[in-house]
Amino acid sequence: MNDRIKGMLGLAKKAGRLVSGEEMVLDAIRSGKAGMVIVTTDASDNSRKLFHDKCSFYRVPVFDYGTREDFGHVSMAVTDRNFAESIKKLFN
């Protein structure tokens, strides 16, 4: 697991710019607040499909990363554009 990605997600959480949990992430996607979404690799096929489909429709970048054990949730949305851009660069 990339420590820099995990560190940036931790900073976003401390800054209040990370939402987690299915309903809160879906609300962030629908409202246009999500700069990017992360779905854990051990999420169910239905959950993964739900988030990938929503993100595709609303044109939000989505990444499969980490496990539920790493983060405590299956899905997270970064709601700050600067944090999202920094984390996306680490994925590439």
PDB file of N, CA and C in Angstrom:
ATOM      1  N   MET A   1       0.849  -1.185   0.000  1.00  0.00           N
ATOM      2  CA  MET A   1       0.000   0.000   0.000  1.00  0.00           C
ATOM      3  C   MET A   1       0.890   1.242   0.000  1.00  0.00           C
ATOM      4  N   ASN A   2       0.540   2.184  -0.831  1.00  0.00           N
ATOM      5  CA  ASN A   2       1.330   3.405  -0.953  1.00  0.00           C
ATOM      6  C   ASN A   2       1.114   4.300   0.267  1.00  0.00           C
ATOM      7  N   ASP A   3       2.190   4.529   1.024  1.00  0.00           N
ATOM      8  CA  ASP A   3       2.091   5.338   2.241  1.00  0.00           C
ATOM      9  C   ASP A   3       1.754   6.794   1.935  1.00  0.00           C
ATOM     10  N   ARG A   4       2.178   7.297   0.792  1.00  0.00           N
ATOM     11  CA  ARG A   4       1.882   8.692   0.447  1.00  0.00           C
ATOM     12  C   ARG A   4       0.391   8.892   0.199  1.00  0.00           C
ATOM     13  N   ILE A   5      -0.238   7.929  -0.456  1.00  0.00           N
ATOM     14  CA  ILE A   5      -1.686   8.021  -0.694  1.00  0.00           C
ATOM     15  C   ILE A   5      -2.417   7.965   0.635  1.00  0.00           C
ATOM     16  N   LYS A   6      -2.032   7.015   1.475  1.00  0.00           N
ATOM     17  CA  LYS A   6      -2.671   6.882   2.783  1.00  0.00           C
ATOM     18  C   LYS A   6      -2.455   8.150   3.616  1.00  0.00           C
ATOM     19  N   GLY A   7      -1.273   8.740   3.530  1.00  0.00           N
ATOM     20  CA  GLY A   7      -0.988   9.977   4.255  1.00  0.00           C
ATOM     21  C   GLY A   7      -1.836  11.142   3.772  1.00  0.00           C
ATOM     22  N   MET A   8      -2.006  11.259   2.459  1.00  0.00           N
ATOM     23  CA  MET A   8      -2.831  12.334   1.904  1.00  0.00           C
ATOM     24  C   MET A   8      -4.294  12.155   2.299  1.00  0.00           C
ATOM     25  N   LEU A   9      -4.758  10.916   2.318  1.00  0.00           N
ATOM     26  CA  LEU A   9      -6.130  10.652   2.750  1.00  0.00           C
ATOM     27  C   LEU A   9      -6.305  11.006   4.226  1.00  0.00           C
ATOM     28  N   GLY A  10      -5.279  10.738   5.022  1.00  0.00           N
ATOM     29  CA  GLY A  10      -5.316  11.110   6.434  1.00  0.00           C
ATOM     30  C   GLY A  10      -5.381  12.614   6.620  1.00  0.00           C
ATOM     31  N   LEU A  11      -4.604  13.355   5.824  1.00  0.00           N
ATOM     32  CA  LEU A  11      -4.645  14.823   5.881  1.00  0.00           C
ATOM     33  C   LEU A  11      -6.021  15.349   5.475  1.00  0.00           C
ATOM     34  N   ALA A  12      -6.581  14.759   4.419  1.00  0.00           N
ATOM     35  CA  ALA A  12      -7.909  15.180   3.970  1.00  0.00           C
ATOM     36  C   ALA A  12      -8.952  14.922   5.056  1.00  0.00           C
ATOM     37  N   LYS A  13      -8.815  13.809   5.746  1.00  0.00           N
ATOM     38  CA  LYS A  13      -9.759  13.481   6.820  1.00  0.00           C
ATOM     39  C   LYS A  13      -9.635  14.480   7.965  1.00  0.00           C
ATOM     40  N   LYS A  14      -8.403  14.792   8.355  1.00  0.00           N
ATOM     41  CA  LYS A  14      -8.188  15.756   9.441  1.00  0.00           C
ATOM     42  C   LYS A  14      -8.712  17.136   9.078  1.00  0.00           C
ATOM     43  N   ALA A  15      -8.643  17.470   7.804  1.00  0.00           N
ATOM     44  CA  ALA A  15      -9.120  18.771   7.334  1.00  0.00           C
ATOM     45  C   ALA A  15     -10.636  18.783   7.131  1.00  0.00           C
ATOM     46  N   GLY A  16     -11.279  17.644   7.323  1.00  0.00           N
ATOM     47  CA  GLY A  16     -12.728  17.568   7.135  1.00  0.00           C
ATOM     48  C   GLY A  16     -13.136  17.511   5.679  1.00  0.00           C
ATOM     49  N   ARG A  17     -12.229  17.068   4.822  1.00  0.00           N
ATOM     50  CA  ARG A  17     -12.481  17.021   3.381  1.00  0.00           C
ATOM     51  C   ARG A  17     -12.597  15.601   2.846  1.00  0.00           C
ATOM     52  N   LEU A  18     -12.881  14.650   3.742  1.00  0.00           N
ATOM     53  CA  LEU A  18     -13.044  13.263   3.346  1.00  0.00           C
ATOM     54  C   LEU A  18     -14.339  12.746   3.968  1.00  0.00           C
ATOM     55  N   VAL A  19     -15.232  12.240   3.138  1.00  0.00           N
ATOM     56  CA  VAL A  19     -16.456  11.637   3.655  1.00  0.00           C
ATOM     57  C   VAL A  19     -16.402  10.145   3.367  1.00  0.00           C
ATOM     58  N   SER A  20     -16.972   9.362   4.262  1.00  0.00           N
ATOM     59  CA  SER A  20     -16.960   7.919   4.075  1.00  0.00           C
ATOM     60  C   SER A  20     -18.324   7.348   4.439  1.00  0.00           C
ATOM     61  N   GLY A  21     -18.541   6.142   3.960  1.00  0.00           N
ATOM     62  CA  GLY A  21     -19.841   5.507   4.149  1.00  0.00           C
ATOM     63  C   GLY A  21     -20.668   5.664   2.881  1.00  0.00           C
ATOM     64  N   GLU A  22     -21.413   4.643   2.566  1.00  0.00           N
ATOM     65  CA  GLU A  22     -22.118   4.578   1.282  1.00  0.00           C
ATOM     66  C   GLU A  22     -23.009   5.784   1.005  1.00  0.00           C
ATOM     67  N   GLU A  23     -23.904   6.110   1.914  1.00  0.00           N
ATOM     68  CA  GLU A  23     -24.863   7.195   1.655  1.00  0.00           C
ATOM     69  C   GLU A  23     -24.180   8.560   1.561  1.00  0.00           C
ATOM     70  N   MET A  24     -23.208   8.813   2.435  1.00  0.00           N
ATOM     71  CA  MET A  24     -22.527  10.112   2.398  1.00  0.00           C
ATOM     72  C   MET A  24     -21.706  10.271   1.123  1.00  0.00           C
ATOM     73  N   VAL A  25     -21.087   9.198   0.678  1.00  0.00           N
ATOM     74  CA  VAL A  25     -20.307   9.253  -0.567  1.00  0.00           C
ATOM     75  C   VAL A  25     -21.244   9.452  -1.755  1.00  0.00           C
ATOM     76  N   LEU A  26     -22.359   8.731  -1.796  1.00  0.00           N
ATOM     77  CA  LEU A  26     -23.317   8.910  -2.893  1.00  0.00           C
ATOM     78  C   LEU A  26     -23.873  10.329  -2.912  1.00  0.00           C
ATOM     79  N   ASP A  27     -24.147  10.907  -1.740  1.00  0.00           N
ATOM     80  CA  ASP A  27     -24.615  12.296  -1.675  1.00  0.00           C
ATOM     81  C   ASP A  27     -23.561  13.258  -2.210  1.00  0.00           C
ATOM     82  N   ALA A  28     -22.297  13.017  -1.872  1.00  0.00           N
ATOM     83  CA  ALA A  28     -21.213  13.881  -2.361  1.00  0.00           C
ATOM     84  C   ALA A  28     -21.079  13.787  -3.879  1.00  0.00           C
ATOM     85  N   ILE A  29     -21.258  12.591  -4.419  1.00  0.00           N
ATOM     86  CA  ILE A  29     -21.190  12.415  -5.880  1.00  0.00           C
ATOM     87  C   ILE A  29     -22.342  13.156  -6.547  1.00  0.00           C
ATOM     88  N   ARG A  30     -23.548  12.929  -6.061  1.00  0.00           N
ATOM     89  CA  ARG A  30     -24.739  13.541  -6.672  1.00  0.00           C
ATOM     90  C   ARG A  30     -24.725  15.066  -6.582  1.00  0.00           C
ATOM     91  N   SER A  31     -24.209  15.594  -5.490  1.00  0.00           N
ATOM     92  CA  SER A  31     -24.220  17.046  -5.289  1.00  0.00           C
ATOM     93  C   SER A  31     -23.053  17.752  -5.973  1.00  0.00           C
ATOM     94  N   GLY A  32     -22.135  16.999  -6.551  1.00  0.00           N
ATOM     95  CA  GLY A  32     -20.998  17.591  -7.229  1.00  0.00           C
ATOM     96  C   GLY A  32     -19.859  17.973  -6.298  1.00  0.00           C
ATOM     97  N   LYS A  33     -19.916  17.554  -5.049  1.00  0.00           N
ATOM     98  CA  LYS A  33     -18.868  17.889  -4.083  1.00  0.00           C
ATOM     99  C   LYS A  33     -17.673  16.950  -4.149  1.00  0.00           C
ATOM    100  N   ALA A  34     -17.863  15.757  -4.686  1.00  0.00           N
ATOM    101  CA  ALA A  34     -16.787  14.764  -4.722  1.00  0.00           C
ATOM    102  C   ALA A  34     -15.780  15.096  -5.814  1.00  0.00           C
ATOM    103  N   GLY A  35     -14.534  15.258  -5.417  1.00  0.00           N
ATOM    104  CA  GLY A  35     -13.458  15.471  -6.389  1.00  0.00           C
ATOM    105  C   GLY A  35     -12.912  14.159  -6.896  1.00  0.00           C
ATOM    106  N   MET A  36     -13.035  13.134  -6.095  1.00  0.00           N
ATOM    107  CA  MET A  36     -12.646  11.777  -6.461  1.00  0.00           C
ATOM    108  C   MET A  36     -13.248  10.813  -5.452  1.00  0.00           C
ATOM    109  N   VAL A  37     -13.369   9.551  -5.853  1.00  0.00           N
ATOM    110  CA  VAL A  37     -13.931   8.517  -4.989  1.00  0.00           C
ATOM    111  C   VAL A  37     -12.964   7.346  -4.951  1.00  0.00           C
ATOM    112  N   ILE A  38     -12.828   6.752  -3.773  1.00  0.00           N
ATOM    113  CA  ILE A  38     -12.026   5.545  -3.611  1.00  0.00           C
ATOM    114  C   ILE A  38     -12.945   4.446  -3.091  1.00  0.00           C
ATOM    115  N   VAL A  39     -12.890   3.299  -3.765  1.00  0.00           N
ATOM    116  CA  VAL A  39     -13.652   2.118  -3.359  1.00  0.00           C
ATOM    117  C   VAL A  39     -12.619   1.049  -3.016  1.00  0.00           C
ATOM    118  N   THR A  40     -12.770   0.395  -1.877  1.00  0.00           N
ATOM    119  CA  THR A  40     -11.792  -0.606  -1.487  1.00  0.00           C
ATOM    120  C   THR A  40     -11.871  -1.826  -2.400  1.00  0.00           C
ATOM    121  N   THR A  41     -10.741  -2.517  -2.520  1.00  0.00           N
ATOM    122  CA  THR A  41     -10.674  -3.661  -3.431  1.00  0.00           C
ATOM    123  C   THR A  41     -11.472  -4.852  -2.935  1.00  0.00           C
ATOM    124  N   ASP A  42     -11.792  -4.877  -1.627  1.00  0.00           N
ATOM    125  CA  ASP A  42     -12.572  -5.997  -1.103  1.00  0.00           C
ATOM    126  C   ASP A  42     -14.064  -5.676  -0.991  1.00  0.00           C
ATOM    127  N   ALA A  43     -14.493  -4.586  -1.623  1.00  0.00           N
ATOM    128  CA  ALA A  43     -15.923  -4.256  -1.650  1.00  0.00           C
ATOM    129  C   ALA A  43     -16.655  -5.301  -2.483  1.00  0.00           C
ATOM    130  N   SER A  44     -17.919  -5.491  -2.193  1.00  0.00           N
ATOM    131  CA  SER A  44     -18.699  -6.462  -2.961  1.00  0.00           C
ATOM    132  C   SER A  44     -18.817  -5.994  -4.409  1.00  0.00           C
ATOM    133  N   ASP A  45     -19.105  -6.933  -5.283  1.00  0.00           N
ATOM    134  CA  ASP A  45     -19.261  -6.593  -6.699  1.00  0.00           C
ATOM    135  C   ASP A  45     -20.380  -5.576  -6.894  1.00  0.00           C
ATOM    136  N   ASN A  46     -21.467  -5.720  -6.138  1.00  0.00           N
ATOM    137  CA  ASN A  46     -22.586  -4.784  -6.257  1.00  0.00           C
ATOM    138  C   ASN A  46     -22.179  -3.384  -5.819  1.00  0.00           C
ATOM    139  N   SER A  47     -21.446  -3.269  -4.720  1.00  0.00           N
ATOM    140  CA  SER A  47     -21.003  -1.953  -4.251  1.00  0.00           C
ATOM    141  C   SER A  47     -20.041  -1.318  -5.250  1.00  0.00           C
ATOM    142  N   ARG A  48     -19.106  -2.121  -5.730  1.00  0.00           N
ATOM    143  CA  ARG A  48     -18.134  -1.595  -6.695  1.00  0.00           C
ATOM    144  C   ARG A  48     -18.851  -1.093  -7.951  1.00  0.00           C
ATOM    145  N   LYS A  49     -19.801  -1.883  -8.446  1.00  0.00           N
ATOM    146  CA  LYS A  49     -20.555  -1.479  -9.637  1.00  0.00           C
ATOM    147  C   LYS A  49     -21.352  -0.207  -9.374  1.00  0.00           C
ATOM    148  N   LEU A  50     -22.007  -0.116  -8.214  1.00  0.00           N
ATOM    149  CA  LEU A  50     -22.789   1.067  -7.864  1.00  0.00           C
ATOM    150  C   LEU A  50     -21.924   2.329  -7.923  1.00  0.00           C
ATOM    151  N   PHE A  51     -20.778   2.307  -7.257  1.00  0.00           N
ATOM    152  CA  PHE A  51     -19.927   3.496  -7.211  1.00  0.00           C
ATOM    153  C   PHE A  51     -19.295   3.808  -8.568  1.00  0.00           C
ATOM    154  N   HIS A  52     -18.875   2.782  -9.288  1.00  0.00           N
ATOM    155  CA  HIS A  52     -18.287   3.028 -10.613  1.00  0.00           C
ATOM    156  C   HIS A  52     -19.336   3.596 -11.574  1.00  0.00           C
ATOM    157  N   ASP A  53     -20.558   3.085 -11.521  1.00  0.00           N
ATOM    158  CA  ASP A  53     -21.623   3.600 -12.390  1.00  0.00           C
ATOM    159  C   ASP A  53     -21.983   5.046 -12.041  1.00  0.00           C
ATOM    160  N   LYS A  54     -22.140   5.340 -10.744  1.00  0.00           N
ATOM    161  CA  LYS A  54     -22.468   6.714 -10.326  1.00  0.00           C
ATOM    162  C   LYS A  54     -21.357   7.673 -10.721  1.00  0.00           C
ATOM    163  N   CYS A  55     -20.114   7.267 -10.482  1.00  0.00           N
ATOM    164  CA  CYS A  55     -18.989   8.138 -10.806  1.00  0.00           C
ATOM    165  C   CYS A  55     -18.876   8.352 -12.314  1.00  0.00           C
ATOM    166  N   SER A  56     -19.156   7.326 -13.072  1.00  0.00           N
ATOM    167  CA  SER A  56     -19.126   7.466 -14.527  1.00  0.00           C
ATOM    168  C   SER A  56     -20.196   8.449 -14.990  1.00  0.00           C
ATOM    169  N   PHE A  57     -21.406   8.322 -14.456  1.00  0.00           N
ATOM    170  CA  PHE A  57     -22.509   9.198 -14.847  1.00  0.00           C
ATOM    171  C   PHE A  57     -22.225  10.652 -14.480  1.00  0.00           C
ATOM    172  N   TYR A  58     -21.694  10.885 -13.271  1.00  0.00           N
ATOM    173  CA  TYR A  58     -21.432  12.250 -12.800  1.00  0.00           C
ATOM    174  C   TYR A  58     -20.017  12.731 -13.120  1.00  0.00           C
ATOM    175  N   ARG A  59     -19.267  11.921 -13.858  1.00  0.00           N
ATOM    176  CA  ARG A  59     -17.904  12.256 -14.286  1.00  0.00           C
ATOM    177  C   ARG A  59     -16.978  12.577 -13.107  1.00  0.00           C
ATOM    178  N   VAL A  60     -16.968  11.676 -12.159  1.00  0.00           N
ATOM    179  CA  VAL A  60     -16.091  11.778 -10.994  1.00  0.00           C
ATOM    180  C   VAL A  60     -15.065  10.652 -11.096  1.00  0.00           C
ATOM    181  N   PRO A  61     -13.774  10.954 -10.997  1.00  0.00           N
ATOM    182  CA  PRO A  61     -12.766   9.888 -11.045  1.00  0.00           C
ATOM    183  C   PRO A  61     -12.951   8.922  -9.868  1.00  0.00           C
ATOM    184  N   VAL A  62     -12.813   7.629 -10.151  1.00  0.00           N
ATOM    185  CA  VAL A  62     -12.964   6.611  -9.112  1.00  0.00           C
ATOM    186  C   VAL A  62     -11.776   5.661  -9.188  1.00  0.00           C
ATOM    187  N   PHE A  63     -11.274   5.268  -8.028  1.00  0.00           N
ATOM    188  CA  PHE A  63     -10.123   4.377  -7.947  1.00  0.00           C
ATOM    189  C   PHE A  63     -10.433   3.238  -6.983  1.00  0.00           C
ATOM    190  N   ASP A  64      -9.976   2.034  -7.312  1.00  0.00           N
ATOM    191  CA  ASP A  64     -10.051   0.889  -6.411  1.00  0.00           C
ATOM    192  C   ASP A  64      -8.726   0.826  -5.670  1.00  0.00           C
ATOM    193  N   TYR A  65      -8.783   0.883  -4.334  1.00  0.00           N
ATOM    194  CA  TYR A  65      -7.549   0.970  -3.561  1.00  0.00           C
ATOM    195  C   TYR A  65      -7.776   0.531  -2.127  1.00  0.00           C
ATOM    196  N   GLY A  66      -6.818  -0.184  -1.569  1.00  0.00           N
ATOM    197  CA  GLY A  66      -6.850  -0.551  -0.161  1.00  0.00           C
ATOM    198  C   GLY A  66      -7.934  -1.564   0.161  1.00  0.00           C
ATOM    199  N   THR A  67      -8.098  -1.794   1.455  1.00  0.00           N
ATOM    200  CA  THR A  67      -9.110  -2.736   1.925  1.00  0.00           C
ATOM    201  C   THR A  67      -9.962  -2.076   3.002  1.00  0.00           C
ATOM    202  N   ARG A  68     -11.050  -2.714   3.312  1.00  0.00           N
ATOM    203  CA  ARG A  68     -11.936  -2.216   4.363  1.00  0.00           C
ATOM    204  C   ARG A  68     -11.187  -2.150   5.694  1.00  0.00           C
ATOM    205  N   GLU A  69     -10.297  -3.077   5.918  1.00  0.00           N
ATOM    206  CA  GLU A  69      -9.500  -3.093   7.149  1.00  0.00           C
ATOM    207  C   GLU A  69      -8.585  -1.862   7.228  1.00  0.00           C
ATOM    208  N   ASP A  70      -8.068  -1.410   6.082  1.00  0.00           N
ATOM    209  CA  ASP A  70      -7.190  -0.236   6.054  1.00  0.00           C
ATOM    210  C   ASP A  70      -7.928   1.037   6.432  1.00  0.00           C
ATOM    211  N   PHE A  71      -9.173   1.176   5.975  1.00  0.00           N
ATOM    212  CA  PHE A  71      -9.889   2.444   6.109  1.00  0.00           C
ATOM    213  C   PHE A  71     -11.123   2.403   6.998  1.00  0.00           C
ATOM    214  N   GLY A  72     -11.661   1.236   7.254  1.00  0.00           N
ATOM    215  CA  GLY A  72     -12.855   1.134   8.086  1.00  0.00           C
ATOM    216  C   GLY A  72     -14.155   1.291   7.319  1.00  0.00           C
ATOM    217  N   HIS A  73     -14.067   1.672   6.058  1.00  0.00           N
ATOM    218  CA  HIS A  73     -15.248   1.824   5.201  1.00  0.00           C
ATOM    219  C   HIS A  73     -14.934   1.276   3.820  1.00  0.00           C
ATOM    220  N   VAL A  74     -15.972   1.000   3.067  1.00  0.00           N
ATOM    221  CA  VAL A  74     -15.806   0.484   1.712  1.00  0.00           C
ATOM    222  C   VAL A  74     -15.588   1.613   0.712  1.00  0.00           C
ATOM    223  N   SER A  75     -16.106   2.789   1.013  1.00  0.00           N
ATOM    224  CA  SER A  75     -16.013   3.896   0.059  1.00  0.00           C
ATOM    225  C   SER A  75     -15.686   5.200   0.769  1.00  0.00           C
ATOM    226  N   MET A  76     -14.965   6.068   0.041  1.00  0.00           N
ATOM    227  CA  MET A  76     -14.595   7.395   0.537  1.00  0.00           C
ATOM    228  C   MET A  76     -14.637   8.372  -0.618  1.00  0.00           C
ATOM    229  N   ALA A  77     -14.995   9.602  -0.318  1.00  0.00           N
ATOM    230  CA  ALA A  77     -14.973  10.655  -1.327  1.00  0.00           C
ATOM    231  C   ALA A  77     -14.147  11.824  -0.787  1.00  0.00           C
ATOM    232  N   VAL A  78     -13.231  12.312  -1.595  1.00  0.00           N
ATOM    233  CA  VAL A  78     -12.449  13.496  -1.243  1.00  0.00           C
ATOM    234  C   VAL A  78     -13.223  14.691  -1.789  1.00  0.00           C
ATOM    235  N   THR A  79     -13.582  15.636  -0.911  1.00  0.00           N
ATOM    236  CA  THR A  79     -14.449  16.742  -1.309  1.00  0.00           C
ATOM    237  C   THR A  79     -13.692  18.037  -1.570  1.00  0.00           C
ATOM    238  N   ASP A  80     -12.389  18.016  -1.456  1.00  0.00           N
ATOM    239  CA  ASP A  80     -11.575  19.194  -1.746  1.00  0.00           C
ATOM    240  C   ASP A  80     -10.843  18.945  -3.058  1.00  0.00           C
ATOM    241  N   ARG A  81     -10.986  19.853  -4.005  1.00  0.00           N
ATOM    242  CA  ARG A  81     -10.388  19.662  -5.338  1.00  0.00           C
ATOM    243  C   ARG A  81      -8.866  19.569  -5.280  1.00  0.00           C
ATOM    244  N   ASN A  82      -8.218  20.366  -4.430  1.00  0.00           N
ATOM    245  CA  ASN A  82      -6.758  20.332  -4.344  1.00  0.00           C
ATOM    246  C   ASN A  82      -6.264  18.996  -3.783  1.00  0.00           C
ATOM    247  N   PHE A  83      -6.896  18.509  -2.721  1.00  0.00           N
ATOM    248  CA  PHE A  83      -6.543  17.197  -2.188  1.00  0.00           C
ATOM    249  C   PHE A  83      -6.783  16.126  -3.249  1.00  0.00           C
ATOM    250  N   ALA A  84      -7.911  16.201  -3.938  1.00  0.00           N
ATOM    251  CA  ALA A  84      -8.243  15.197  -4.948  1.00  0.00           C
ATOM    252  C   ALA A  84      -7.200  15.175  -6.069  1.00  0.00           C
ATOM    253  N   GLU A  85      -6.795  16.345  -6.534  1.00  0.00           N
ATOM    254  CA  GLU A  85      -5.786  16.418  -7.591  1.00  0.00           C
ATOM    255  C   GLU A  85      -4.456  15.832  -7.127  1.00  0.00           C
ATOM    256  N   SER A  86      -4.050  16.135  -5.912  1.00  0.00           N
ATOM    257  CA  SER A  86      -2.792  15.612  -5.369  1.00  0.00           C
ATOM    258  C   SER A  86      -2.836  14.096  -5.258  1.00  0.00           C
ATOM    259  N   ILE A  87      -3.944  13.574  -4.794  1.00  0.00           N
ATOM    260  CA  ILE A  87      -4.055  12.119  -4.643  1.00  0.00           C
ATOM    261  C   ILE A  87      -4.132  11.435  -5.995  1.00  0.00           C
ATOM    262  N   LYS A  88      -4.832  12.019  -6.962  1.00  0.00           N
ATOM    263  CA  LYS A  88      -4.909  11.442  -8.310  1.00  0.00           C
ATOM    264  C   LYS A  88      -3.532  11.351  -8.927  1.00  0.00           C
ATOM    265  N   LYS A  89      -2.672  12.349  -8.703  1.00  0.00           N
ATOM    266  CA  LYS A  89      -1.303  12.307  -9.232  1.00  0.00           C
ATOM    267  C   LYS A  89      -0.530  11.141  -8.647  1.00  0.00           C
ATOM    268  N   LEU A  90      -0.767  10.825  -7.382  1.00  0.00           N
ATOM    269  CA  LEU A  90      -0.076   9.690  -6.763  1.00  0.00           C
ATOM    270  C   LEU A  90      -0.532   8.354  -7.347  1.00  0.00           C
ATOM    271  N   PHE A  91      -1.786   8.277  -7.805  1.00  0.00           N
ATOM    272  CA  PHE A  91      -2.266   7.054  -8.427  1.00  0.00           C
ATOM    273  C   PHE A  91      -1.644   6.851  -9.798  1.00  0.00           C
ATOM    274  N   ASN A  92      -1.290   7.928 -10.480  1.00  0.00           N
ATOM    275  CA  ASN A  92      -0.716   7.822 -11.829  1.00  0.00           C
ATOM    276  C   ASN A  92       0.761   7.710 -11.769  1.00  0.00           C
TER     277      ASN A  92
END
